[in-house]
């Protein structure tokens, strides 16, 4: 695959992740009642301030990820956030493939997109044939 095709494929993957993360962060900022109910089901308080705080953290990390100069920092922060989401689902016994591993799937989109669009990251972590 040429560098140009890898770059655009990376932005497609990153774009999918960014759209989902912005939607999720925005829902937490409002916060919608479904968000508060879900947080309670997951063992968190249904406090709107907590939902807003989580939304702000997600949107800041997503903005850092979307901006090319800070994308690596954003990917690292999103990895931590998604790991916390996975731990929350694991703690309450959610289904493995649909709930617990959803953060992992999203992390693959984040890191896969960044890997394809950033030649410096590819040089740092080359795959050998």
C-alpha atoms as a PDB file:
ATOM      1  CA  UNK A   1       0.000   0.000   0.000  1.00  0.00           C
ATOM      2  CA  UNK A   2       1.386   3.409  -0.911  1.00  0.00           C
ATOM      3  CA  UNK A   3       1.959   6.067   1.728  1.00  0.00           C
ATOM      4  CA  UNK A   4      -0.887   8.186   0.341  1.00  0.00           C
ATOM      5  CA  UNK A   5      -3.361   5.289   0.475  1.00  0.00           C
ATOM      6  CA  UNK A   6      -2.213   4.348   3.986  1.00  0.00           C
ATOM      7  CA  UNK A   7      -2.640   7.957   5.099  1.00  0.00           C
ATOM      8  CA  UNK A   8      -6.229   8.170   3.851  1.00  0.00           C
ATOM      9  CA  UNK A   9      -7.123   4.699   5.130  1.00  0.00           C
ATOM     10  CA  UNK A  10      -5.799   5.830   8.504  1.00  0.00           C
ATOM     11  CA  UNK A  11      -7.970   8.933   8.447  1.00  0.00           C
ATOM     12  CA  UNK A  12     -11.029   6.827   7.582  1.00  0.00           C
ATOM     13  CA  UNK A  13     -10.396   4.561  10.598  1.00  0.00           C
ATOM     14  CA  UNK A  14      -9.589   7.546  12.796  1.00  0.00           C
ATOM     15  CA  UNK A  15     -12.664   9.387  11.537  1.00  0.00           C
ATOM     16  CA  UNK A  16     -14.950   6.524  12.524  1.00  0.00           C
ATOM     17  CA  UNK A  17     -13.422   6.483  16.015  1.00  0.00           C
ATOM     18  CA  UNK A  18     -13.557  10.283  16.314  1.00  0.00           C
ATOM     19  CA  UNK A  19     -17.219  10.425  15.284  1.00  0.00           C
ATOM     20  CA  UNK A  20     -18.176   7.794  17.846  1.00  0.00           C
ATOM     21  CA  UNK A  21     -16.133   9.410  20.623  1.00  0.00           C
ATOM     22  CA  UNK A  22     -17.535  12.894  19.934  1.00  0.00           C
ATOM     23  CA  UNK A  23     -21.077  11.489  19.962  1.00  0.00           C
ATOM     24  CA  UNK A  24     -20.431   9.651  23.234  1.00  0.00           C
ATOM     25  CA  UNK A  25     -18.749  12.662  24.849  1.00  0.00           C
ATOM     26  CA  UNK A  26     -21.550  14.954  23.696  1.00  0.00           C
ATOM     27  CA  UNK A  27     -24.193  12.669  25.189  1.00  0.00           C
ATOM     28  CA  UNK A  28     -22.362  12.854  28.495  1.00  0.00           C
ATOM     29  CA  UNK A  29     -22.143  16.662  28.372  1.00  0.00           C
ATOM     30  CA  UNK A  30     -25.897  17.174  28.030  1.00  0.00           C
ATOM     31  CA  UNK A  31     -26.291  14.672  30.004  1.00  0.00           C
ATOM     32  CA  UNK A  32     -29.104  12.566  28.603  1.00  0.00           C
ATOM     33  CA  UNK A  33     -31.189  10.535  31.021  1.00  0.00           C
ATOM     34  CA  UNK A  34     -30.130   7.307  29.303  1.00  0.00           C
ATOM     35  CA  UNK A  35     -26.510   8.198  30.136  1.00  0.00           C
ATOM     36  CA  UNK A  36     -27.312   8.746  33.815  1.00  0.00           C
ATOM     37  CA  UNK A  37     -29.328   5.505  33.972  1.00  0.00           C
ATOM     38  CA  UNK A  38     -26.535   3.541  32.308  1.00  0.00           C
ATOM     39  CA  UNK A  39     -23.930   5.006  34.664  1.00  0.00           C
ATOM     40  CA  UNK A  40     -26.060   3.862  37.619  1.00  0.00           C
ATOM     41  CA  UNK A  41     -26.363   0.358  36.126  1.00  0.00           C
ATOM     42  CA  UNK A  42     -22.582   0.260  35.773  1.00  0.00           C
ATOM     43  CA  UNK A  43     -22.099   1.070  39.442  1.00  0.00           C
ATOM     44  CA  UNK A  44     -21.297   4.784  39.105  1.00  0.00           C
ATOM     45  CA  UNK A  45     -23.360   7.536  40.659  1.00  0.00           C
ATOM     46  CA  UNK A  46     -25.990   9.018  38.376  1.00  0.00           C
ATOM     47  CA  UNK A  47     -24.667  12.499  39.122  1.00  0.00           C
ATOM     48  CA  UNK A  48     -24.881  14.805  36.075  1.00  0.00           C
ATOM     49  CA  UNK A  49     -21.636  16.514  37.135  1.00  0.00           C
ATOM     50  CA  UNK A  50     -19.780  13.186  36.911  1.00  0.00           C
ATOM     51  CA  UNK A  51     -21.234  12.533  33.463  1.00  0.00           C
ATOM     52  CA  UNK A  52     -20.214  16.007  32.313  1.00  0.00           C
ATOM     53  CA  UNK A  53     -16.703  15.524  33.699  1.00  0.00           C
ATOM     54  CA  UNK A  54     -16.314  12.239  31.842  1.00  0.00           C
ATOM     55  CA  UNK A  55     -17.648  13.890  28.695  1.00  0.00           C
ATOM     56  CA  UNK A  56     -15.152  16.751  28.970  1.00  0.00           C
ATOM     57  CA  UNK A  57     -12.270  14.310  29.471  1.00  0.00           C
ATOM     58  CA  UNK A  58     -13.354  12.258  26.457  1.00  0.00           C
ATOM     59  CA  UNK A  59     -13.813  15.292  24.218  1.00  0.00           C
ATOM     60  CA  UNK A  60     -10.418  16.766  25.181  1.00  0.00           C
ATOM     61  CA  UNK A  61      -8.645  13.454  24.555  1.00  0.00           C
ATOM     62  CA  UNK A  62     -10.512  13.057  21.249  1.00  0.00           C
ATOM     63  CA  UNK A  63      -9.581  16.591  20.157  1.00  0.00           C
ATOM     64  CA  UNK A  64      -5.939  15.872  20.978  1.00  0.00           C
ATOM     65  CA  UNK A  65      -6.178  12.660  18.946  1.00  0.00           C
ATOM     66  CA  UNK A  66      -7.804  14.411  15.973  1.00  0.00           C
ATOM     67  CA  UNK A  67      -5.137  17.136  15.839  1.00  0.00           C
ATOM     68  CA  UNK A  68      -2.113  15.636  13.988  1.00  0.00           C
ATOM     69  CA  UNK A  69       0.557  17.310  16.159  1.00  0.00           C
ATOM     70  CA  UNK A  70      -0.945  15.910  19.390  1.00  0.00           C
ATOM     71  CA  UNK A  71      -2.463  12.692  18.037  1.00  0.00           C
ATOM     72  CA  UNK A  72      -0.061  10.395  19.892  1.00  0.00           C
ATOM     73  CA  UNK A  73      -0.870  12.013  23.240  1.00  0.00           C
ATOM     74  CA  UNK A  74      -4.588  11.792  22.428  1.00  0.00           C
ATOM     75  CA  UNK A  75      -4.283   8.094  21.547  1.00  0.00           C
ATOM     76  CA  UNK A  76      -2.522   7.398  24.853  1.00  0.00           C
ATOM     77  CA  UNK A  77      -5.197   9.277  26.836  1.00  0.00           C
ATOM     78  CA  UNK A  78      -8.003   7.521  24.960  1.00  0.00           C
ATOM     79  CA  UNK A  79      -6.363   4.163  25.667  1.00  0.00           C
ATOM     80  CA  UNK A  80      -6.513   4.893  29.396  1.00  0.00           C
ATOM     81  CA  UNK A  81     -10.129   6.055  29.170  1.00  0.00           C
ATOM     82  CA  UNK A  82     -11.187   2.990  27.183  1.00  0.00           C
ATOM     83  CA  UNK A  83      -9.305   0.720  29.583  1.00  0.00           C
ATOM     84  CA  UNK A  84     -11.324   2.184  32.439  1.00  0.00           C
ATOM     85  CA  UNK A  85     -14.532   1.506  30.522  1.00  0.00           C
ATOM     86  CA  UNK A  86     -13.458  -2.084  29.961  1.00  0.00           C
ATOM     87  CA  UNK A  87     -12.629  -2.514  33.657  1.00  0.00           C
ATOM     88  CA  UNK A  88     -16.045  -1.114  34.607  1.00  0.00           C
ATOM     89  CA  UNK A  89     -17.823  -3.636  32.394  1.00  0.00           C
ATOM     90  CA  UNK A  90     -15.617  -6.472  33.619  1.00  0.00           C
ATOM     91  CA  UNK A  91     -16.365  -5.578  37.238  1.00  0.00           C
ATOM     92  CA  UNK A  92     -20.128  -5.924  36.805  1.00  0.00           C
ATOM     93  CA  UNK A  93     -19.992  -9.055  34.649  1.00  0.00           C
ATOM     94  CA  UNK A  94     -21.089  -7.595  31.310  1.00  0.00           C
ATOM     95  CA  UNK A  95     -20.976  -9.843  28.226  1.00  0.00           C
ATOM     96  CA  UNK A  96     -17.423 -10.264  26.934  1.00  0.00           C
ATOM     97  CA  UNK A  97     -17.605  -9.669  23.190  1.00  0.00           C
ATOM     98  CA  UNK A  98     -20.310  -7.006  23.048  1.00  0.00           C
ATOM     99  CA  UNK A  99     -19.551  -4.919  26.143  1.00  0.00           C
ATOM    100  CA  UNK A 100     -16.197  -5.646  27.784  1.00  0.00           C
ATOM    101  CA  UNK A 101     -14.209  -5.809  24.553  1.00  0.00           C
ATOM    102  CA  UNK A 102     -15.962  -2.832  22.920  1.00  0.00           C
ATOM    103  CA  UNK A 103     -13.285  -0.532  24.352  1.00  0.00           C
ATOM    104  CA  UNK A 104     -10.654  -2.822  22.852  1.00  0.00           C
ATOM    105  CA  UNK A 105     -12.331  -2.672  19.432  1.00  0.00           C
ATOM    106  CA  UNK A 106     -12.475   1.113  19.622  1.00  0.00           C
ATOM    107  CA  UNK A 107      -8.828   1.197  20.725  1.00  0.00           C
ATOM    108  CA  UNK A 108      -7.911  -0.854  17.651  1.00  0.00           C
ATOM    109  CA  UNK A 109      -9.598   1.776  15.475  1.00  0.00           C
ATOM    110  CA  UNK A 110      -7.760   4.569  17.296  1.00  0.00           C
ATOM    111  CA  UNK A 111      -4.310   2.980  17.140  1.00  0.00           C
ATOM    112  CA  UNK A 112      -4.797   1.370  13.716  1.00  0.00           C
ATOM    113  CA  UNK A 113      -5.858   4.696  12.251  1.00  0.00           C
ATOM    114  CA  UNK A 114      -2.936   6.496  13.848  1.00  0.00           C
ATOM    115  CA  UNK A 115      -0.497   3.808  12.719  1.00  0.00           C
ATOM    116  CA  UNK A 116      -1.644   4.116   9.115  1.00  0.00           C
ATOM    117  CA  UNK A 117      -1.662   7.918   8.994  1.00  0.00           C
ATOM    118  CA  UNK A 118       1.581   8.606  10.900  1.00  0.00           C
ATOM    119  CA  UNK A 119       4.830   7.514   9.233  1.00  0.00           C
ATOM    120  CA  UNK A 120       6.830   8.401  12.356  1.00  0.00           C
ATOM    121  CA  UNK A 121       4.778   5.927  14.402  1.00  0.00           C
ATOM    122  CA  UNK A 122       5.234   3.275  11.710  1.00  0.00           C
ATOM    123  CA  UNK A 123       8.985   3.859  11.814  1.00  0.00           C
ATOM    124  CA  UNK A 124       8.978   3.532  15.599  1.00  0.00           C
ATOM    125  CA  UNK A 125       7.004   0.254  15.530  1.00  0.00           C
ATOM    126  CA  UNK A 126       7.850  -1.488  12.273  1.00  0.00           C
ATOM    127  CA  UNK A 127       6.332  -4.838  11.434  1.00  0.00           C
ATOM    128  CA  UNK A 128       8.929  -7.220  10.076  1.00  0.00           C
ATOM    129  CA  UNK A 129       8.286  -9.615   7.211  1.00  0.00           C
END
